[in-house]
Amino acid sequence: MTKFHSSIEISSFFLEKFIAAGSMSDITITTASSHTKPGWAEILTGYNAENLGIYDNFDYKPIPRGYTVFERLEDYLGKDNVVTLFVGGKTDNIGARGPHKICTNCITRYPDTREKTFYKDGGTTAPTYQPGEERILEDREGEPYYHTKDALDVFEVGLRGAANVGPKVIDYIEKYKNQRFFAFFHFFSSFFFLIFCSSLIFPFFFKYSRQ
């Protein structure tokens, strides 16, 4: 098993192969917020924030059923004729939690340690941006992939670093290399991800920027 210690190593490993194969394309996200939730949602659906109701990392809802490229491929090809995979190092912003409360005026990281607070929990004790201010808790219907996860063959997030995600990428590609598949592999570094398809669909690699 190949061991990857960083996203840079993963990047080099894949980029050389994809560039040589002419399978890399640049895309630019121009209509979504630069926040993670709406950016990924637009990439994986083709719909903007107004269509999805996902405006930033605090103002969001589940992507409607049937909107993602995974579900559209399953609908077009037949669910039994394509394997769909969503694998990520993070849970924040690519998660699939159901209905919950979120503190909209709580800090998201402690300033001294940079550790994340539990601001996405109704019982949070996270400090507010203005000391002494009452916490504002709002209901959310669910995270963006709350419905999507049920349609996928594989939905696995929270793997953390590239040392965990990298081997998973290789394992899944090896497992499904002789089948039609469509996979989204998201690394803990927010600047690197793969959208990968078997040659029976159309192989391509996206790197993106936001303007």
Protein backbone atom coordinates (compact mmCIF):
# COMPACT_ATOMS: atom_id res chain seq x y z
CA MET A 1 0.00 0.00 0.00
CA THR A 2 1.37 3.40 -0.96
CA LYS A 3 1.67 5.79 1.97
CA PHE A 4 1.05 9.50 1.47
CA HIS A 5 2.18 11.95 4.09
CA SER A 6 0.74 15.17 2.74
CA SER A 7 -1.59 16.70 0.18
CA ILE A 8 1.49 17.88 -1.71
CA GLU A 9 2.60 14.28 -2.24
CA ILE A 10 -0.91 13.28 -3.33
CA SER A 11 -1.04 16.26 -5.67
CA SER A 12 2.26 15.39 -7.33
CA PHE A 13 1.32 11.74 -7.67
CA PHE A 14 -1.94 12.44 -9.48
CA LEU A 15 -1.09 15.64 -11.31
CA GLU A 16 1.78 14.11 -13.27
CA LYS A 17 -0.48 11.33 -14.53
CA PHE A 18 -3.48 13.52 -15.33
CA ILE A 19 -1.45 16.21 -17.06
CA ALA A 20 0.34 13.60 -19.18
CA ALA A 21 -3.03 12.13 -20.16
CA GLY A 22 -4.44 15.54 -21.08
CA SER A 23 -7.23 15.04 -18.55
CA MET A 24 -6.91 18.23 -16.50
CA SER A 25 -9.18 21.24 -16.92
CA ASP A 26 -9.40 24.59 -15.14
CA ILE A 27 -12.79 25.75 -13.92
CA THR A 28 -13.65 29.00 -12.18
CA ILE A 29 -16.49 29.41 -9.70
CA THR A 30 -17.86 32.91 -10.15
CA THR A 31 -21.42 32.81 -8.84
CA ALA A 32 -21.04 31.24 -5.39
CA SER A 33 -19.64 32.66 -2.18
CA SER A 34 -15.99 31.90 -1.53
CA HIS A 35 -17.16 29.85 1.44
CA THR A 36 -16.69 26.11 1.22
CA LYS A 37 -20.32 24.97 1.38
CA PRO A 38 -21.68 26.94 -1.60
CA GLY A 39 -18.49 26.45 -3.63
CA TRP A 40 -18.55 22.65 -3.49
CA ALA A 41 -22.32 22.59 -3.90
CA GLU A 42 -22.06 24.57 -7.13
CA ILE A 43 -19.27 22.36 -8.47
CA LEU A 44 -21.23 19.16 -7.79
CA THR A 45 -24.60 20.38 -9.06
CA GLY A 46 -24.05 23.17 -11.58
CA TYR A 47 -26.58 25.30 -9.67
CA ASN A 48 -25.80 28.58 -7.94
CA ALA A 49 -26.56 29.71 -4.39
CA GLU A 50 -29.98 31.12 -5.27
CA ASN A 51 -31.10 27.80 -6.75
CA LEU A 52 -29.74 25.72 -3.90
CA GLY A 53 -30.35 27.97 -0.90
CA ILE A 54 -26.71 27.53 0.13
CA TYR A 55 -25.24 31.01 0.54
CA ASP A 56 -22.31 30.55 2.96
CA ASN A 57 -21.03 28.25 5.70
CA PHE A 58 -23.72 29.50 8.11
CA ASP A 59 -26.72 29.91 5.78
CA TYR A 60 -27.44 26.59 4.08
CA LYS A 61 -29.88 23.75 3.58
CA PRO A 62 -29.73 20.28 2.01
CA ILE A 63 -29.24 20.10 -1.75
CA PRO A 64 -32.59 19.02 -3.20
CA ARG A 65 -32.86 15.38 -4.18
CA GLY A 66 -31.79 14.68 -7.73
CA TYR A 67 -29.70 17.84 -8.21
CA THR A 68 -26.18 16.45 -7.92
CA VAL A 69 -24.17 15.04 -10.80
CA PHE A 70 -24.08 11.71 -8.93
CA GLU A 71 -27.85 11.42 -8.95
CA ARG A 72 -28.21 12.64 -12.52
CA LEU A 73 -25.75 10.01 -13.72
CA GLU A 74 -27.67 7.33 -11.81
CA ASP A 75 -30.90 8.54 -13.36
CA TYR A 76 -29.43 8.61 -16.88
CA LEU A 77 -27.46 5.37 -16.76
CA GLY A 78 -29.53 3.45 -14.22
CA LYS A 79 -28.53 3.17 -10.57
CA ASP A 80 -27.23 -0.36 -11.02
CA ASN A 81 -25.06 0.71 -13.97
CA VAL A 82 -22.80 3.25 -12.24
CA VAL A 83 -21.03 3.37 -8.90
CA THR A 84 -21.10 6.76 -7.16
CA LEU A 85 -18.55 7.69 -4.50
CA PHE A 86 -18.05 10.72 -2.25
CA VAL A 87 -14.95 10.51 -0.05
CA GLY A 88 -13.48 13.34 2.01
CA GLY A 89 -11.00 14.23 4.69
CA LYS A 90 -13.25 16.80 6.33
CA THR A 91 -16.70 16.68 7.88
CA ASP A 92 -17.18 20.43 8.11
CA ASN A 93 -18.88 21.87 5.03
CA ILE A 94 -19.06 18.59 3.12
CA GLY A 95 -21.17 16.88 5.76
CA ALA A 96 -24.56 15.20 5.71
CA ARG A 97 -25.98 15.87 9.18
CA GLY A 98 -29.75 16.16 9.46
CA PRO A 99 -31.80 18.90 11.18
CA HIS A 100 -29.83 20.82 13.81
CA LYS A 101 -29.25 24.23 15.35
CA ILE A 102 -26.32 26.52 14.64
CA CYS A 103 -24.96 29.50 16.56
CA THR A 104 -24.67 32.28 14.02
CA ASN A 105 -22.75 34.73 16.23
CA CYS A 106 -20.33 32.28 17.87
CA ILE A 107 -16.66 32.16 16.97
CA THR A 108 -15.73 29.13 14.89
CA ARG A 109 -12.20 28.72 16.27
CA TYR A 110 -10.60 29.54 19.60
CA PRO A 111 -8.10 32.34 18.92
CA ASP A 112 -5.32 30.95 21.12
CA THR A 113 -5.32 27.32 19.94
CA ARG A 114 -7.11 27.64 16.55
CA GLU A 115 -9.13 24.57 17.53
CA LYS A 116 -12.68 24.51 16.21
CA THR A 117 -15.57 25.32 18.49
CA PHE A 118 -18.84 23.40 18.54
CA TYR A 119 -20.78 26.31 17.13
CA LYS A 120 -22.94 23.93 15.05
CA ASP A 121 -24.48 22.44 18.17
CA GLY A 122 -27.62 23.73 19.86
CA GLY A 123 -26.03 23.24 23.27
CA THR A 124 -22.77 24.99 22.35
CA THR A 125 -20.73 26.87 24.91
CA ALA A 126 -18.64 28.56 22.21
CA PRO A 127 -17.92 32.25 22.91
CA THR A 128 -19.66 34.89 20.82
CA TYR A 129 -17.80 37.38 18.65
CA GLN A 130 -18.91 40.14 21.01
CA PRO A 131 -18.08 39.02 24.58
CA GLY A 132 -21.16 38.73 26.76
CA GLU A 133 -23.57 38.77 23.82
CA GLU A 134 -26.42 36.26 23.91
CA ARG A 135 -25.94 33.36 21.53
CA ILE A 136 -28.18 33.41 18.47
CA LEU A 137 -29.30 29.87 17.63
CA GLU A 138 -31.02 29.17 14.32
CA ASP A 139 -32.55 25.99 12.94
CA ARG A 140 -31.09 24.34 9.87
CA GLU A 141 -32.88 21.67 7.83
CA GLY A 142 -29.63 19.79 7.38
CA GLU A 143 -26.18 20.02 5.85
CA PRO A 144 -25.81 20.14 2.03
CA TYR A 145 -25.38 16.39 1.46
CA TYR A 146 -28.09 15.23 3.88
CA HIS A 147 -30.25 13.89 1.02
CA THR A 148 -27.41 13.17 -1.41
CA LYS A 149 -25.73 10.61 0.85
CA ASP A 150 -28.73 8.29 0.59
CA ALA A 151 -28.39 8.11 -3.19
CA LEU A 152 -24.67 7.28 -3.22
CA ASP A 153 -23.00 3.88 -3.14
CA VAL A 154 -20.20 5.27 -0.96
CA PHE A 155 -20.35 8.33 1.29
CA GLU A 156 -17.31 8.48 3.59
CA VAL A 157 -16.07 11.71 5.14
CA GLY A 158 -14.05 12.71 8.20
CA LEU A 159 -10.96 10.73 7.18
CA ARG A 160 -8.71 13.71 8.01
CA GLY A 161 -5.29 13.94 6.33
CA ALA A 162 -3.99 12.76 2.97
CA ALA A 163 -2.32 9.79 4.69
CA ASN A 164 -5.86 8.46 5.18
CA VAL A 165 -7.59 9.81 2.09
CA GLY A 166 -4.83 8.85 -0.36
CA PRO A 167 -4.99 5.09 0.23
CA LYS A 168 -8.79 5.23 0.08
CA VAL A 169 -8.59 6.88 -3.34
CA ILE A 170 -6.32 4.15 -4.63
CA ASP A 171 -8.39 1.37 -3.05
CA TYR A 172 -11.68 2.59 -4.52
CA ILE A 173 -10.24 3.19 -7.99
CA GLU A 174 -8.72 -0.29 -7.93
CA LYS A 175 -11.99 -1.81 -6.69
CA TYR A 176 -14.16 -0.19 -9.34
CA LYS A 177 -11.71 0.19 -12.24
CA ASN A 178 -13.60 -2.32 -14.36
CA GLN A 179 -16.99 -0.75 -13.67
CA ARG A 180 -18.63 2.52 -14.59
CA PHE A 181 -18.03 4.88 -11.69
CA PHE A 182 -18.07 8.56 -10.77
CA ALA A 183 -16.11 9.66 -7.71
CA PHE A 184 -15.49 12.87 -5.79
CA PHE A 185 -12.35 12.70 -3.63
CA HIS A 186 -11.84 15.70 -1.35
CA PHE A 187 -8.59 16.09 0.56
CA PHE A 188 -8.21 17.81 3.93
CA SER A 189 -6.40 20.60 2.15
CA SER A 190 -9.24 22.67 0.71
CA PHE A 191 -7.16 23.43 -2.38
CA PHE A 192 -7.03 19.92 -3.80
CA PHE A 193 -9.72 17.52 -4.87
CA LEU A 194 -10.44 15.00 -7.59
CA ILE A 195 -13.51 14.32 -9.64
CA PHE A 196 -12.70 11.01 -11.25
CA CYS A 197 -14.62 8.82 -13.69
CA SER A 198 -14.04 5.47 -15.27
CA SER A 199 -13.23 5.56 -18.97
CA LEU A 200 -16.72 4.19 -19.57
CA ILE A 201 -18.06 7.65 -18.75
CA PHE A 202 -15.46 10.37 -19.34
CA PRO A 203 -12.22 10.77 -17.39
CA PHE A 204 -11.29 14.26 -16.26
CA PHE A 205 -9.60 16.16 -13.49
CA PHE A 206 -10.68 19.57 -12.28
CA LYS A 207 -8.67 22.11 -10.39
CA TYR A 208 -10.60 25.20 -9.59
CA SER A 209 -10.26 28.77 -8.49
CA ARG A 210 -12.80 31.25 -7.20
CA GLN A 211 -13.07 34.82 -8.37
